[in-house]
Every structure is written in structure tokens, then in C-alpha cells.
Amino acid sequence: MKDKINASLEIERVQQEWLDAMARKYELPDPAKALRIVLNHARTSADEKAVFETVRCLGCD
């Protein structure tokens, strides 16, 4: 059995909209499942530095 917890996270509105869209597009039960998929993908990445050190600020001025 999975050991899921409820967590309160602060994300940007555009990120929530993307998670909502991905959940609809891939017929996931909810946006939380979309986020868990993204997190699992990042966790299994062979290149941890690419995940955390590459700047991907889409909303930066």
C-alpha cells in the first residue's frame, strides 16, 4: 500500500493550471497524481544536477 500524506505546497498559478491540464489530458484522477508523476520522474533522473541546477524560471523578469 502507498504511504501517501497530505501536504500543503505553494506553487505558481500557471503551474497549477498545467497540472490541471495534464490530469485532464492523460485522464488522471486529479492534479495531485500529475504532480506525483513529475516528482517520480525527477527522482529517477540519472542527472540530479540537471534537475536542480539548470535554471528554468519561466516567469522571471
C-alpha atoms as a PDB file:
ATOM      1  CA  MET A   1       0.000   0.000   0.000  1.00  0.00           C
ATOM      2  CA  LYS A   2       1.209   3.502  -0.796  1.00  0.00           C
ATOM      3  CA  ASP A   3       2.199   5.751   2.073  1.00  0.00           C
ATOM      4  CA  LYS A   4       0.614   8.996   0.879  1.00  0.00           C
ATOM      5  CA  ILE A   5       0.362  12.089   3.041  1.00  0.00           C
ATOM      6  CA  ASN A   6      -1.478  15.373   2.603  1.00  0.00           C
ATOM      7  CA  ALA A   7       0.924  18.246   2.049  1.00  0.00           C
ATOM      8  CA  SER A   8       0.403  21.946   1.652  1.00  0.00           C
ATOM      9  CA  LEU A   9       2.619  23.305  -1.135  1.00  0.00           C
ATOM     10  CA  GLU A  10       2.988  26.769  -2.579  1.00  0.00           C
ATOM     11  CA  ILE A  11       3.134  26.769  -6.388  1.00  0.00           C
ATOM     12  CA  GLU A  12       2.559  29.361  -9.079  1.00  0.00           C
ATOM     13  CA  ARG A  13      -0.890  29.657 -10.647  1.00  0.00           C
ATOM     14  CA  VAL A  14       0.497  28.682 -14.060  1.00  0.00           C
ATOM     15  CA  GLN A  15       1.974  25.523 -12.534  1.00  0.00           C
ATOM     16  CA  GLN A  16      -1.404  24.566 -11.068  1.00  0.00           C
ATOM     17  CA  GLU A  17      -3.066  25.232 -14.412  1.00  0.00           C
ATOM     18  CA  TRP A  18      -0.506  22.972 -16.126  1.00  0.00           C
ATOM     19  CA  LEU A  19      -1.064  20.179 -13.588  1.00  0.00           C
ATOM     20  CA  ASP A  20      -4.828  20.526 -14.102  1.00  0.00           C
ATOM     21  CA  ALA A  21      -4.371  20.334 -17.879  1.00  0.00           C
ATOM     22  CA  MET A  22      -2.089  17.286 -17.671  1.00  0.00           C
ATOM     23  CA  ALA A  23      -4.546  15.496 -15.386  1.00  0.00           C
ATOM     24  CA  ARG A  24      -7.331  16.101 -17.914  1.00  0.00           C
ATOM     25  CA  LYS A  25      -5.209  15.264 -20.953  1.00  0.00           C
ATOM     26  CA  TYR A  26      -3.955  11.967 -19.539  1.00  0.00           C
ATOM     27  CA  GLU A  27      -7.194  11.117 -17.730  1.00  0.00           C
ATOM     28  CA  LEU A  28      -5.565  11.106 -14.301  1.00  0.00           C
ATOM     29  CA  PRO A  29      -7.751  11.124 -11.206  1.00  0.00           C
ATOM     30  CA  ASP A  30      -6.565  14.573 -10.128  1.00  0.00           C
ATOM     31  CA  PRO A  31      -3.750  17.140 -10.433  1.00  0.00           C
ATOM     32  CA  ALA A  32      -2.027  15.625  -7.385  1.00  0.00           C
ATOM     33  CA  LYS A  33      -1.438  12.442  -9.408  1.00  0.00           C
ATOM     34  CA  ALA A  34       0.123  14.536 -12.186  1.00  0.00           C
ATOM     35  CA  LEU A  35       2.475  16.099  -9.641  1.00  0.00           C
ATOM     36  CA  ARG A  36       3.412  12.677  -8.215  1.00  0.00           C
ATOM     37  CA  ILE A  37       4.287  11.507 -11.736  1.00  0.00           C
ATOM     38  CA  VAL A  38       6.525  14.549 -12.268  1.00  0.00           C
ATOM     39  CA  LEU A  39       8.191  14.019  -8.878  1.00  0.00           C
ATOM     40  CA  ASN A  40       8.803  10.329  -9.576  1.00  0.00           C
ATOM     41  CA  HIS A  41      10.332  11.206 -12.929  1.00  0.00           C
ATOM     42  CA  ALA A  42      12.668  13.713 -11.266  1.00  0.00           C
ATOM     43  CA  ARG A  43      13.561  11.225  -8.517  1.00  0.00           C
ATOM     44  CA  THR A  44      14.627   8.614 -11.064  1.00  0.00           C
ATOM     45  CA  SER A  45      16.634  11.027 -13.184  1.00  0.00           C
ATOM     46  CA  ALA A  46      20.231   9.915 -13.560  1.00  0.00           C
ATOM     47  CA  ASP A  47      21.336  13.540 -13.710  1.00  0.00           C
ATOM     48  CA  GLU A  48      20.311  15.148 -10.429  1.00  0.00           C
ATOM     49  CA  LYS A  49      22.288  18.291 -11.249  1.00  0.00           C
ATOM     50  CA  ALA A  50      20.267  18.772 -14.435  1.00  0.00           C
ATOM     51  CA  VAL A  51      17.078  18.666 -12.375  1.00  0.00           C
ATOM     52  CA  PHE A  52      18.183  21.093  -9.654  1.00  0.00           C
ATOM     53  CA  GLU A  53      20.939  23.257 -11.104  1.00  0.00           C
ATOM     54  CA  THR A  54      19.555  24.061 -14.544  1.00  0.00           C
ATOM     55  CA  VAL A  55      17.686  27.377 -14.396  1.00  0.00           C
ATOM     56  CA  ARG A  56      14.148  27.043 -15.768  1.00  0.00           C
ATOM     57  CA  CYS A  57      12.477  30.172 -14.486  1.00  0.00           C
ATOM     58  CA  LEU A  58       9.610  30.627 -16.928  1.00  0.00           C
ATOM     59  CA  GLY A  59       8.172  33.587 -15.041  1.00  0.00           C
ATOM     60  CA  CYS A  60      11.336  35.516 -14.234  1.00  0.00           C
ATOM     61  CA  ASP A  61      11.642  39.096 -15.418  1.00  0.00           C
END
